[in-house]
All heavy atoms as atom14 arrays in JSON, in Angstrom:
{
  "sequence": "RVVPLSTRDPRQLLETQACDLAVGHFPSVLPDLTAKAQ",
  "atom14_mask": [
    [1, 1, 1, 1, 1, 1, 1, 1, 1, 1, 1, 0, 0, 0],
    [1, 1, 1, 1, 1, 1, 1, 0, 0, 0, 0, 0, 0, 0],
    [1, 1, 1, 1, 1, 1, 1, 0, 0, 0, 0, 0, 0, 0],
    [1, 1, 1, 1, 1, 1, 1, 0, 0, 0, 0, 0, 0, 0],
    [1, 1, 1, 1, 1, 1, 1, 1, 0, 0, 0, 0, 0, 0],
    [1, 1, 1, 1, 1, 1, 0, 0, 0, 0, 0, 0, 0, 0],
    [1, 1, 1, 1, 1, 1, 1, 0, 0, 0, 0, 0, 0, 0],
    [1, 1, 1, 1, 1, 1, 1, 1, 1, 1, 1, 0, 0, 0],
    [1, 1, 1, 1, 1, 1, 1, 1, 0, 0, 0, 0, 0, 0],
    [1, 1, 1, 1, 1, 1, 1, 0, 0, 0, 0, 0, 0, 0],
    [1, 1, 1, 1, 1, 1, 1, 1, 1, 1, 1, 0, 0, 0],
    [1, 1, 1, 1, 1, 1, 1, 1, 1, 0, 0, 0, 0, 0],
    [1, 1, 1, 1, 1, 1, 1, 1, 0, 0, 0, 0, 0, 0],
    [1, 1, 1, 1, 1, 1, 1, 1, 0, 0, 0, 0, 0, 0],
    [1, 1, 1, 1, 1, 1, 1, 1, 1, 0, 0, 0, 0, 0],
    [1, 1, 1, 1, 1, 1, 1, 0, 0, 0, 0, 0, 0, 0],
    [1, 1, 1, 1, 1, 1, 1, 1, 1, 0, 0, 0, 0, 0],
    [1, 1, 1, 1, 1, 0, 0, 0, 0, 0, 0, 0, 0, 0],
    [1, 1, 1, 1, 1, 1, 0, 0, 0, 0, 0, 0, 0, 0],
    [1, 1, 1, 1, 1, 1, 1, 1, 0, 0, 0, 0, 0, 0],
    [1, 1, 1, 1, 1, 1, 1, 1, 0, 0, 0, 0, 0, 0],
    [1, 1, 1, 1, 1, 0, 0, 0, 0, 0, 0, 0, 0, 0],
    [1, 1, 1, 1, 1, 1, 1, 0, 0, 0, 0, 0, 0, 0],
    [1, 1, 1, 1, 0, 0, 0, 0, 0, 0, 0, 0, 0, 0],
    [1, 1, 1, 1, 1, 1, 1, 1, 1, 1, 0, 0, 0, 0],
    [1, 1, 1, 1, 1, 1, 1, 1, 1, 1, 1, 0, 0, 0],
    [1, 1, 1, 1, 1, 1, 1, 0, 0, 0, 0, 0, 0, 0],
    [1, 1, 1, 1, 1, 1, 0, 0, 0, 0, 0, 0, 0, 0],
    [1, 1, 1, 1, 1, 1, 1, 0, 0, 0, 0, 0, 0, 0],
    [1, 1, 1, 1, 1, 1, 1, 1, 0, 0, 0, 0, 0, 0],
    [1, 1, 1, 1, 1, 1, 1, 0, 0, 0, 0, 0, 0, 0],
    [1, 1, 1, 1, 1, 1, 1, 1, 0, 0, 0, 0, 0, 0],
    [1, 1, 1, 1, 1, 1, 1, 1, 0, 0, 0, 0, 0, 0],
    [1, 1, 1, 1, 1, 1, 1, 0, 0, 0, 0, 0, 0, 0],
    [1, 1, 1, 1, 1, 0, 0, 0, 0, 0, 0, 0, 0, 0],
    [1, 1, 1, 1, 1, 1, 1, 1, 1, 0, 0, 0, 0, 0],
    [1, 1, 1, 1, 1, 0, 0, 0, 0, 0, 0, 0, 0, 0],
    [1, 1, 1, 1, 1, 1, 1, 1, 1, 0, 0, 0, 0, 0]
  ],
  "atom14_positions": [
    [[5.03, 12.11, -8.81], [6.36, 11.45, -8.8], [6.15, 10.15, -8.07], [5.88, 10.1, -6.86], [7.43, 12.29, -8.19], [8.83, 11.7, -8.27], [9.87, 12.72, -8.08], [9.79, 13.46, -6.76], [10.48, 13.1, -5.68], [11.26, 12.02, -5.71], [10.27, 13.82, -4.55], [0.0, 0.0, 0.0], [0.0, 0.0, 0.0], [0.0, 0.0, 0.0]],
    [[6.45, 9.0, -8.75], [6.26, 7.7, -8.07], [7.69, 7.23, -7.76], [8.57, 7.16, -8.59], [5.58, 6.7, -9.06], [5.52, 5.33, -8.44], [4.21, 7.18, -9.46], [0.0, 0.0, 0.0], [0.0, 0.0, 0.0], [0.0, 0.0, 0.0], [0.0, 0.0, 0.0], [0.0, 0.0, 0.0], [0.0, 0.0, 0.0], [0.0, 0.0, 0.0]],
    [[7.86, 6.86, -6.45], [9.11, 6.35, -5.93], [9.0, 4.96, -5.5], [7.91, 4.46, -5.08], [9.71, 7.18, -4.79], [9.94, 8.62, -5.3], [8.74, 7.21, -3.62], [0.0, 0.0, 0.0], [0.0, 0.0, 0.0], [0.0, 0.0, 0.0], [0.0, 0.0, 0.0], [0.0, 0.0, 0.0], [0.0, 0.0, 0.0], [0.0, 0.0, 0.0]],
    [[10.02, 4.16, -5.57], [9.95, 2.68, -5.18], [9.54, 2.56, -3.72], [10.03, 3.35, -2.84], [11.35, 2.18, -5.44], [12.01, 3.15, -6.39], [11.4, 4.49, -6.06], [0.0, 0.0, 0.0], [0.0, 0.0, 0.0], [0.0, 0.0, 0.0], [0.0, 0.0, 0.0], [0.0, 0.0, 0.0], [0.0, 0.0, 0.0], [0.0, 0.0, 0.0]],
    [[8.73, 1.65, -3.45], [8.41, 1.29, -2.11], [9.38, 0.17, -1.63], [9.26, -0.99, -2.04], [6.97, 0.78, -1.99], [6.38, 0.42, -0.66], [6.35, 1.67, 0.26], [5.01, -0.17, -0.7], [0.0, 0.0, 0.0], [0.0, 0.0, 0.0], [0.0, 0.0, 0.0], [0.0, 0.0, 0.0], [0.0, 0.0, 0.0], [0.0, 0.0, 0.0]],
    [[10.23, 0.5, -0.77], [11.28, -0.39, -0.33], [11.02, -1.04, 1.02], [11.98, -1.61, 1.57], [12.69, 0.37, -0.36], [12.58, 1.42, 0.59], [0.0, 0.0, 0.0], [0.0, 0.0, 0.0], [0.0, 0.0, 0.0], [0.0, 0.0, 0.0], [0.0, 0.0, 0.0], [0.0, 0.0, 0.0], [0.0, 0.0, 0.0], [0.0, 0.0, 0.0]],
    [[9.85, -0.93, 1.51], [9.53, -1.49, 2.87], [8.08, -1.84, 2.98], [7.25, -1.3, 2.27], [9.87, -0.41, 3.94], [9.5, -0.95, 5.23], [9.22, 0.91, 3.68], [0.0, 0.0, 0.0], [0.0, 0.0, 0.0], [0.0, 0.0, 0.0], [0.0, 0.0, 0.0], [0.0, 0.0, 0.0], [0.0, 0.0, 0.0], [0.0, 0.0, 0.0]],
    [[7.79, -2.81, 3.87], [6.43, -3.09, 4.13], [5.87, -2.2, 5.32], [4.67, -2.35, 5.63], [6.25, -4.61, 4.6], [6.53, -5.58, 3.46], [5.41, -5.56, 2.39], [5.57, -6.53, 1.34], [4.9, -6.59, 0.25], [4.01, -5.64, 0.0], [5.07, -7.56, -0.6], [0.0, 0.0, 0.0], [0.0, 0.0, 0.0], [0.0, 0.0, 0.0]],
    [[6.67, -1.34, 5.73], [6.17, -0.42, 6.8], [6.65, 1.05, 6.44], [7.75, 1.43, 6.81], [6.75, -0.78, 8.16], [6.22, 0.08, 9.3], [5.57, 1.11, 9.07], [6.48, -0.25, 10.52], [0.0, 0.0, 0.0], [0.0, 0.0, 0.0], [0.0, 0.0, 0.0], [0.0, 0.0, 0.0], [0.0, 0.0, 0.0], [0.0, 0.0, 0.0]],
    [[5.84, 1.77, 5.73], [6.31, 3.06, 5.14], [6.03, 4.21, 6.09], [6.04, 5.38, 5.66], [5.45, 3.19, 3.94], [4.18, 2.52, 4.24], [4.52, 1.36, 5.17], [0.0, 0.0, 0.0], [0.0, 0.0, 0.0], [0.0, 0.0, 0.0], [0.0, 0.0, 0.0], [0.0, 0.0, 0.0], [0.0, 0.0, 0.0], [0.0, 0.0, 0.0]],
    [[5.77, 3.97, 7.39], [5.41, 5.05, 8.3], [6.52, 6.12, 8.43], [6.23, 7.29, 8.5], [4.97, 4.5, 9.62], [3.6, 3.86, 9.64], [3.25, 3.28, 10.98], [3.9, 1.99, 11.21], [3.65, 1.18, 12.27], [2.69, 1.51, 13.13], [4.33, 0.07, 12.38], [0.0, 0.0, 0.0], [0.0, 0.0, 0.0], [0.0, 0.0, 0.0]],
    [[7.76, 5.64, 8.44], [8.87, 6.54, 8.52], [8.93, 7.51, 7.27], [9.24, 8.65, 7.39], [10.23, 5.85, 8.71], [11.4, 6.71, 8.87], [11.36, 7.52, 10.27], [10.65, 7.12, 11.11], [12.15, 8.59, 10.33], [0.0, 0.0, 0.0], [0.0, 0.0, 0.0], [0.0, 0.0, 0.0], [0.0, 0.0, 0.0], [0.0, 0.0, 0.0]],
    [[8.62, 6.94, 6.12], [8.59, 7.77, 4.84], [7.53, 8.93, 4.93], [7.79, 9.98, 4.56], [8.28, 6.85, 3.67], [9.31, 5.77, 3.3], [8.79, 4.95, 2.17], [10.61, 6.37, 2.88], [0.0, 0.0, 0.0], [0.0, 0.0, 0.0], [0.0, 0.0, 0.0], [0.0, 0.0, 0.0], [0.0, 0.0, 0.0], [0.0, 0.0, 0.0]],
    [[6.43, 8.48, 5.51], [5.33, 9.43, 5.69], [5.58, 10.46, 6.79], [5.25, 11.62, 6.69], [4.01, 8.77, 5.92], [3.53, 7.86, 4.81], [2.44, 6.86, 5.32], [2.96, 8.67, 3.7], [0.0, 0.0, 0.0], [0.0, 0.0, 0.0], [0.0, 0.0, 0.0], [0.0, 0.0, 0.0], [0.0, 0.0, 0.0], [0.0, 0.0, 0.0]],
    [[6.23, 9.98, 7.83], [6.6, 10.86, 8.97], [7.54, 11.96, 8.52], [7.42, 13.11, 8.95], [7.25, 10.05, 10.08], [7.45, 10.79, 11.4], [6.13, 11.04, 12.14], [5.54, 10.11, 12.67], [5.78, 12.26, 12.22], [0.0, 0.0, 0.0], [0.0, 0.0, 0.0], [0.0, 0.0, 0.0], [0.0, 0.0, 0.0], [0.0, 0.0, 0.0]],
    [[8.53, 11.59, 7.73], [9.5, 12.55, 7.33], [9.15, 13.27, 5.98], [9.9, 14.0, 5.4], [10.87, 11.86, 6.99], [10.74, 10.81, 6.07], [11.34, 11.24, 8.38], [0.0, 0.0, 0.0], [0.0, 0.0, 0.0], [0.0, 0.0, 0.0], [0.0, 0.0, 0.0], [0.0, 0.0, 0.0], [0.0, 0.0, 0.0], [0.0, 0.0, 0.0]],
    [[7.89, 12.95, 5.52], [7.35, 13.65, 4.24], [8.2, 13.27, 3.07], [8.25, 14.06, 2.12], [7.23, 15.15, 4.48], [6.26, 15.5, 5.61], [6.06, 16.99, 5.72], [7.04, 17.78, 5.57], [4.78, 17.43, 5.93], [0.0, 0.0, 0.0], [0.0, 0.0, 0.0], [0.0, 0.0, 0.0], [0.0, 0.0, 0.0], [0.0, 0.0, 0.0]],
    [[8.82, 12.07, 3.07], [9.47, 11.55, 1.84], [8.42, 11.2, 0.79], [8.78, 11.22, -0.35], [10.35, 10.43, 2.23], [0.0, 0.0, 0.0], [0.0, 0.0, 0.0], [0.0, 0.0, 0.0], [0.0, 0.0, 0.0], [0.0, 0.0, 0.0], [0.0, 0.0, 0.0], [0.0, 0.0, 0.0], [0.0, 0.0, 0.0], [0.0, 0.0, 0.0]],
    [[7.19, 10.98, 1.15], [6.18, 10.74, 0.26], [4.83, 11.2, 0.87], [4.71, 11.43, 2.08], [5.97, 9.27, -0.16], [5.48, 8.16, 1.19], [0.0, 0.0, 0.0], [0.0, 0.0, 0.0], [0.0, 0.0, 0.0], [0.0, 0.0, 0.0], [0.0, 0.0, 0.0], [0.0, 0.0, 0.0], [0.0, 0.0, 0.0], [0.0, 0.0, 0.0]],
    [[3.9, 11.53, 0.01], [2.55, 11.96, 0.46], [1.63, 10.9, 0.76], [0.74, 10.92, 1.56], [1.98, 12.97, -0.6], [2.79, 14.17, -0.82], [2.91, 14.95, 0.11], [3.27, 14.28, -1.97], [0.0, 0.0, 0.0], [0.0, 0.0, 0.0], [0.0, 0.0, 0.0], [0.0, 0.0, 0.0], [0.0, 0.0, 0.0], [0.0, 0.0, 0.0]],
    [[1.78, 9.77, 0.0], [0.85, 8.63, 0.03], [1.65, 7.34, -0.26], [2.41, 7.29, -1.25], [-0.29, 8.83, -0.9], [-1.52, 7.87, -0.72], [-2.3, 8.11, 0.52], [-2.4, 7.93, -1.98], [0.0, 0.0, 0.0], [0.0, 0.0, 0.0], [0.0, 0.0, 0.0], [0.0, 0.0, 0.0], [0.0, 0.0, 0.0], [0.0, 0.0, 0.0]],
    [[1.48, 6.35, 0.61], [2.09, 5.07, 0.28], [0.96, 4.02, -0.02], [-0.03, 4.06, 0.61], [2.9, 4.58, 1.52], [0.0, 0.0, 0.0], [0.0, 0.0, 0.0], [0.0, 0.0, 0.0], [0.0, 0.0, 0.0], [0.0, 0.0, 0.0], [0.0, 0.0, 0.0], [0.0, 0.0, 0.0], [0.0, 0.0, 0.0], [0.0, 0.0, 0.0]],
    [[1.24, 3.26, -1.06], [0.23, 2.3, -1.55], [0.89, 0.86, -1.64], [1.89, 0.74, -2.22], [-0.34, 2.66, -2.93], [-1.38, 1.6, -3.38], [-0.97, 4.01, -2.91], [0.0, 0.0, 0.0], [0.0, 0.0, 0.0], [0.0, 0.0, 0.0], [0.0, 0.0, 0.0], [0.0, 0.0, 0.0], [0.0, 0.0, 0.0], [0.0, 0.0, 0.0]],
    [[0.35, -0.03, -0.88], [0.92, -1.41, -0.93], [0.27, -2.32, 0.1], [-0.73, -2.0, 0.68], [0.0, 0.0, 0.0], [0.0, 0.0, 0.0], [0.0, 0.0, 0.0], [0.0, 0.0, 0.0], [0.0, 0.0, 0.0], [0.0, 0.0, 0.0], [0.0, 0.0, 0.0], [0.0, 0.0, 0.0], [0.0, 0.0, 0.0], [0.0, 0.0, 0.0]],
    [[0.92, -3.44, 0.33], [0.5, -4.42, 1.33], [1.36, -4.22, 2.6], [2.58, -4.41, 2.53], [0.76, -5.83, 0.7], [0.41, -6.94, 1.72], [-0.73, -7.04, 2.36], [1.13, -8.08, 2.04], [-0.77, -8.08, 3.12], [0.33, -8.79, 2.93], [0.0, 0.0, 0.0], [0.0, 0.0, 0.0], [0.0, 0.0, 0.0], [0.0, 0.0, 0.0]],
    [[0.66, -3.78, 3.68], [1.35, -3.45, 4.94], [0.82, -4.36, 6.05], [0.07, -3.86, 6.91], [1.11, -1.99, 5.3], [1.47, -1.03, 4.09], [0.46, -0.12, 3.62], [2.64, -1.15, 3.41], [0.73, 0.7, 2.56], [2.86, -0.27, 2.35], [1.99, 0.64, 1.9], [0.0, 0.0, 0.0], [0.0, 0.0, 0.0], [0.0, 0.0, 0.0]],
    [[1.21, -5.64, 6.1], [0.63, -6.55, 7.02], [0.88, -6.31, 8.49], [0.06, -6.68, 9.34], [1.27, -7.91, 6.64], [2.46, -7.53, 5.89], [2.27, -6.22, 5.24], [0.0, 0.0, 0.0], [0.0, 0.0, 0.0], [0.0, 0.0, 0.0], [0.0, 0.0, 0.0], [0.0, 0.0, 0.0], [0.0, 0.0, 0.0], [0.0, 0.0, 0.0]],
    [[1.97, -5.58, 8.87], [2.17, -5.31, 10.27], [1.67, -3.98, 10.72], [1.51, -3.72, 11.86], [3.74, -5.47, 10.57], [4.41, -4.42, 9.87], [0.0, 0.0, 0.0], [0.0, 0.0, 0.0], [0.0, 0.0, 0.0], [0.0, 0.0, 0.0], [0.0, 0.0, 0.0], [0.0, 0.0, 0.0], [0.0, 0.0, 0.0], [0.0, 0.0, 0.0]],
    [[1.44, -3.09, 9.75], [1.04, -1.69, 10.12], [-0.37, -1.62, 10.46], [-0.7, -0.99, 11.5], [1.36, -0.7, 8.93], [0.84, 0.63, 9.24], [2.79, -0.72, 8.56], [0.0, 0.0, 0.0], [0.0, 0.0, 0.0], [0.0, 0.0, 0.0], [0.0, 0.0, 0.0], [0.0, 0.0, 0.0], [0.0, 0.0, 0.0], [0.0, 0.0, 0.0]],
    [[-1.23, -2.24, 9.67], [-2.75, -2.07, 9.94], [-3.16, -2.66, 11.27], [-3.96, -2.01, 11.97], [-3.48, -2.66, 8.76], [-3.18, -2.02, 7.38], [-4.17, -2.45, 6.32], [-2.93, -0.59, 7.43], [0.0, 0.0, 0.0], [0.0, 0.0, 0.0], [0.0, 0.0, 0.0], [0.0, 0.0, 0.0], [0.0, 0.0, 0.0], [0.0, 0.0, 0.0]],
    [[-2.71, -3.89, 11.64], [-3.09, -4.37, 12.95], [-2.68, -3.51, 14.11], [-3.34, -3.22, 15.12], [-2.4, -5.75, 13.04], [-2.25, -6.12, 11.62], [-1.95, -4.91, 10.87], [0.0, 0.0, 0.0], [0.0, 0.0, 0.0], [0.0, 0.0, 0.0], [0.0, 0.0, 0.0], [0.0, 0.0, 0.0], [0.0, 0.0, 0.0], [0.0, 0.0, 0.0]],
    [[-1.47, -2.82, 13.91], [-0.95, -1.96, 14.99], [-1.87, -0.69, 15.07], [-2.2, -0.27, 16.12], [0.5, -1.54, 14.63], [1.1, -0.63, 15.69], [0.99, -1.02, 16.91], [1.69, 0.36, 15.26], [0.0, 0.0, 0.0], [0.0, 0.0, 0.0], [0.0, 0.0, 0.0], [0.0, 0.0, 0.0], [0.0, 0.0, 0.0], [0.0, 0.0, 0.0]],
    [[-2.3, -0.14, 13.9], [-3.12, 1.06, 13.95], [-4.51, 0.7, 14.49], [-5.11, 1.46, 15.24], [-3.23, 1.58, 12.51], [-2.02, 2.15, 11.87], [-2.29, 2.68, 10.48], [-1.42, 3.28, 12.67], [0.0, 0.0, 0.0], [0.0, 0.0, 0.0], [0.0, 0.0, 0.0], [0.0, 0.0, 0.0], [0.0, 0.0, 0.0], [0.0, 0.0, 0.0]],
    [[-4.98, -0.48, 14.1], [-6.33, -0.92, 14.6], [-6.3, -1.07, 16.16], [-7.2, -0.67, 16.85], [-6.72, -2.21, 13.96], [-6.79, -2.09, 12.6], [-8.11, -2.71, 14.48], [0.0, 0.0, 0.0], [0.0, 0.0, 0.0], [0.0, 0.0, 0.0], [0.0, 0.0, 0.0], [0.0, 0.0, 0.0], [0.0, 0.0, 0.0], [0.0, 0.0, 0.0]],
    [[-5.19, -1.64, 16.71], [-5.06, -1.83, 18.09], [-5.0, -0.4, 18.8], [-5.61, -0.27, 19.88], [-3.82, -2.58, 18.45], [0.0, 0.0, 0.0], [0.0, 0.0, 0.0], [0.0, 0.0, 0.0], [0.0, 0.0, 0.0], [0.0, 0.0, 0.0], [0.0, 0.0, 0.0], [0.0, 0.0, 0.0], [0.0, 0.0, 0.0], [0.0, 0.0, 0.0]],
    [[-4.31, 0.53, 18.19], [-4.29, 1.89, 18.8], [-5.63, 2.45, 18.85], [-6.01, 3.06, 19.87], [-3.3, 2.75, 17.98], [-1.87, 2.52, 18.29], [-0.99, 3.48, 17.46], [0.43, 3.47, 17.93], [1.11, 2.25, 17.84], [0.0, 0.0, 0.0], [0.0, 0.0, 0.0], [0.0, 0.0, 0.0], [0.0, 0.0, 0.0], [0.0, 0.0, 0.0]],
    [[-6.43, 2.29, 17.8], [-7.77, 2.83, 17.76], [-8.62, 2.27, 18.85], [-9.45, 2.93, 19.47], [-8.34, 2.69, 16.34], [0.0, 0.0, 0.0], [0.0, 0.0, 0.0], [0.0, 0.0, 0.0], [0.0, 0.0, 0.0], [0.0, 0.0, 0.0], [0.0, 0.0, 0.0], [0.0, 0.0, 0.0], [0.0, 0.0, 0.0], [0.0, 0.0, 0.0]],
    [[-8.54, 0.94, 18.94], [-9.39, 0.27, 19.96], [-9.05, 0.61, 21.36], [-9.81, 0.57, 22.27], [-9.24, -1.28, 19.78], [-9.79, -1.8, 18.44], [-9.53, -3.26, 18.19], [-8.59, -3.87, 18.8], [-10.33, -3.83, 17.29], [0.0, 0.0, 0.0], [0.0, 0.0, 0.0], [0.0, 0.0, 0.0], [0.0, 0.0, 0.0], [0.0, 0.0, 0.0]]
  ]
}
């Protein structure tokens, strides 16, 4: 089931299990995750 991606930050959708996988351009998410890993 494909649902519209209505945000550039889908972490809340994944947190609440509204979707299993989000696919898109997430310019603010990836730097934040990289910083956490570092």
